[in-house]
Amino acid sequence: MQGGPRILKTRMIDMSIRYDKLFALLKEKGYSTYRIRQENIVSQAALTKMKNGTGDIDTRTIERLCAVLNCQPGDIMEYVSDGEGVA
């Protein structure tokens, strides 16, 4: 190649899963985050990750929540791409 190797620059897209729907459904069904922790459905660490949108959530956690709340994964979480939903 003339002039050396070409460097392809790409923009990383910030992708995230949001759990706002989970916390609304918990409230609707009468579950507090305290009760979820006390009944060992979800750990404090997992709840914190979901609330803050940080880290990965294990699929077994999603499965337990869906079983307890009698719902589908889409009822408790949603994918939001970079810039979506930002005012």
C-alpha atoms as a PDB file:
ATOM      1  CA  MET A   1       0.000   0.000   0.000  1.00  0.00           C
ATOM      2  CA  GLN A   2       1.216   3.401  -0.880  1.00  0.00           C
ATOM      3  CA  GLY A   3       1.657   5.671   2.142  1.00  0.00           C
ATOM      4  CA  GLY A   4       1.371   2.904   4.725  1.00  0.00           C
ATOM      5  CA  PRO A   5      -1.605   0.992   6.095  1.00  0.00           C
ATOM      6  CA  ARG A   6      -5.025   2.618   6.144  1.00  0.00           C
ATOM      7  CA  ILE A   7      -6.698   2.947   9.485  1.00  0.00           C
ATOM      8  CA  LEU A   8     -10.430   2.533   9.529  1.00  0.00           C
ATOM      9  CA  LYS A   9     -12.042   4.702  12.157  1.00  0.00           C
ATOM     10  CA  THR A  10     -15.404   3.658  13.486  1.00  0.00           C
ATOM     11  CA  ARG A  11     -17.638   5.162  16.109  1.00  0.00           C
ATOM     12  CA  MET A  12     -18.591   2.890  18.963  1.00  0.00           C
ATOM     13  CA  ILE A  13     -22.324   2.812  19.581  1.00  0.00           C
ATOM     14  CA  ASP A  14     -23.334   2.964  23.220  1.00  0.00           C
ATOM     15  CA  MET A  15     -25.912   0.225  23.668  1.00  0.00           C
ATOM     16  CA  SER A  16     -27.735  -0.555  26.817  1.00  0.00           C
ATOM     17  CA  ILE A  17     -30.530  -2.526  28.311  1.00  0.00           C
ATOM     18  CA  ARG A  18     -32.823  -0.541  30.580  1.00  0.00           C
ATOM     19  CA  TYR A  19     -34.881  -2.022  33.375  1.00  0.00           C
ATOM     20  CA  ASP A  20     -37.337   0.821  34.025  1.00  0.00           C
ATOM     21  CA  LYS A  21     -40.150  -1.530  33.009  1.00  0.00           C
ATOM     22  CA  LEU A  22     -39.040  -4.012  35.699  1.00  0.00           C
ATOM     23  CA  PHE A  23     -39.272  -1.501  38.523  1.00  0.00           C
ATOM     24  CA  ALA A  24     -42.693  -0.325  37.322  1.00  0.00           C
ATOM     25  CA  LEU A  25     -43.932  -3.936  37.151  1.00  0.00           C
ATOM     26  CA  LEU A  26     -42.533  -4.722  40.614  1.00  0.00           C
ATOM     27  CA  LYS A  27     -44.467  -1.785  42.036  1.00  0.00           C
ATOM     28  CA  GLU A  28     -47.625  -2.759  40.145  1.00  0.00           C
ATOM     29  CA  LYS A  29     -47.451  -6.321  41.498  1.00  0.00           C
ATOM     30  CA  GLY A  30     -46.703  -5.221  45.062  1.00  0.00           C
ATOM     31  CA  TYR A  31     -43.041  -6.215  45.220  1.00  0.00           C
ATOM     32  CA  SER A  32     -40.504  -3.913  46.813  1.00  0.00           C
ATOM     33  CA  THR A  33     -36.816  -4.262  46.053  1.00  0.00           C
ATOM     34  CA  TYR A  34     -36.424  -5.176  49.732  1.00  0.00           C
ATOM     35  CA  ARG A  35     -38.873  -8.083  49.333  1.00  0.00           C
ATOM     36  CA  ILE A  36     -37.113  -9.258  46.147  1.00  0.00           C
ATOM     37  CA  ARG A  37     -33.808  -9.370  48.056  1.00  0.00           C
ATOM     38  CA  GLN A  38     -35.272 -10.985  51.178  1.00  0.00           C
ATOM     39  CA  GLU A  39     -36.923 -13.772  49.165  1.00  0.00           C
ATOM     40  CA  ASN A  40     -33.570 -14.371  47.418  1.00  0.00           C
ATOM     41  CA  ILE A  41     -35.067 -13.782  43.982  1.00  0.00           C
ATOM     42  CA  VAL A  42     -32.386 -11.273  42.978  1.00  0.00           C
ATOM     43  CA  SER A  43     -29.214 -10.228  44.771  1.00  0.00           C
ATOM     44  CA  GLN A  44     -28.514  -6.689  45.902  1.00  0.00           C
ATOM     45  CA  ALA A  45     -25.672  -6.519  43.389  1.00  0.00           C
ATOM     46  CA  ALA A  46     -27.954  -7.479  40.479  1.00  0.00           C
ATOM     47  CA  LEU A  47     -30.618  -4.980  41.565  1.00  0.00           C
ATOM     48  CA  THR A  48     -28.000  -2.243  41.767  1.00  0.00           C
ATOM     49  CA  LYS A  49     -26.688  -3.115  38.281  1.00  0.00           C
ATOM     50  CA  MET A  50     -30.224  -2.997  36.866  1.00  0.00           C
ATOM     51  CA  LYS A  51     -31.086   0.266  38.578  1.00  0.00           C
ATOM     52  CA  ASN A  52     -27.821   1.980  37.525  1.00  0.00           C
ATOM     53  CA  GLY A  53     -27.559   0.373  34.084  1.00  0.00           C
ATOM     54  CA  THR A  54     -24.093  -0.982  34.772  1.00  0.00           C
ATOM     55  CA  GLY A  55     -22.663  -4.457  34.274  1.00  0.00           C
ATOM     56  CA  ASP A  56     -24.194  -7.608  32.891  1.00  0.00           C
ATOM     57  CA  ILE A  57     -27.234  -9.390  34.269  1.00  0.00           C
ATOM     58  CA  ASP A  58     -27.240 -13.176  34.201  1.00  0.00           C
ATOM     59  CA  THR A  59     -30.018 -14.829  32.198  1.00  0.00           C
ATOM     60  CA  ARG A  60     -30.901 -16.910  35.272  1.00  0.00           C
ATOM     61  CA  THR A  61     -31.724 -13.655  37.080  1.00  0.00           C
ATOM     62  CA  ILE A  62     -34.005 -12.621  34.218  1.00  0.00           C
ATOM     63  CA  GLU A  63     -35.589 -16.086  34.286  1.00  0.00           C
ATOM     64  CA  ARG A  64     -36.284 -15.902  38.043  1.00  0.00           C
ATOM     65  CA  LEU A  65     -37.826 -12.446  37.747  1.00  0.00           C
ATOM     66  CA  CYS A  66     -40.051 -13.563  34.865  1.00  0.00           C
ATOM     67  CA  ALA A  67     -41.183 -16.630  36.825  1.00  0.00           C
ATOM     68  CA  VAL A  68     -42.050 -14.597  39.931  1.00  0.00           C
ATOM     69  CA  LEU A  69     -43.752 -11.793  38.009  1.00  0.00           C
ATOM     70  CA  ASN A  70     -45.379 -14.150  35.474  1.00  0.00           C
ATOM     71  CA  CYS A  71     -44.092 -12.154  32.514  1.00  0.00           C
ATOM     72  CA  GLN A  72     -41.790 -12.252  29.493  1.00  0.00           C
ATOM     73  CA  PRO A  73     -38.297 -10.682  29.339  1.00  0.00           C
ATOM     74  CA  GLY A  74     -39.614  -7.861  27.137  1.00  0.00           C
ATOM     75  CA  ASP A  75     -41.991  -6.932  29.950  1.00  0.00           C
ATOM     76  CA  ILE A  76     -39.102  -6.099  32.282  1.00  0.00           C
ATOM     77  CA  MET A  77     -36.350  -4.746  30.046  1.00  0.00           C
ATOM     78  CA  GLU A  78     -35.801  -2.897  26.793  1.00  0.00           C
ATOM     79  CA  TYR A  79     -32.907  -2.202  24.459  1.00  0.00           C
ATOM     80  CA  VAL A  80     -32.070   1.468  24.037  1.00  0.00           C
ATOM     81  CA  SER A  81     -29.398   2.580  21.561  1.00  0.00           C
ATOM     82  CA  ASP A  82     -27.120   5.594  21.889  1.00  0.00           C
ATOM     83  CA  GLY A  83     -29.070   8.824  22.004  1.00  0.00           C
ATOM     84  CA  GLU A  84     -32.477   7.182  22.067  1.00  0.00           C
ATOM     85  CA  GLY A  85     -34.760   8.590  24.687  1.00  0.00           C
ATOM     86  CA  VAL A  86     -32.390  11.435  25.530  1.00  0.00           C
ATOM     87  CA  ALA A  87     -34.111  14.782  25.894  1.00  0.00           C
END
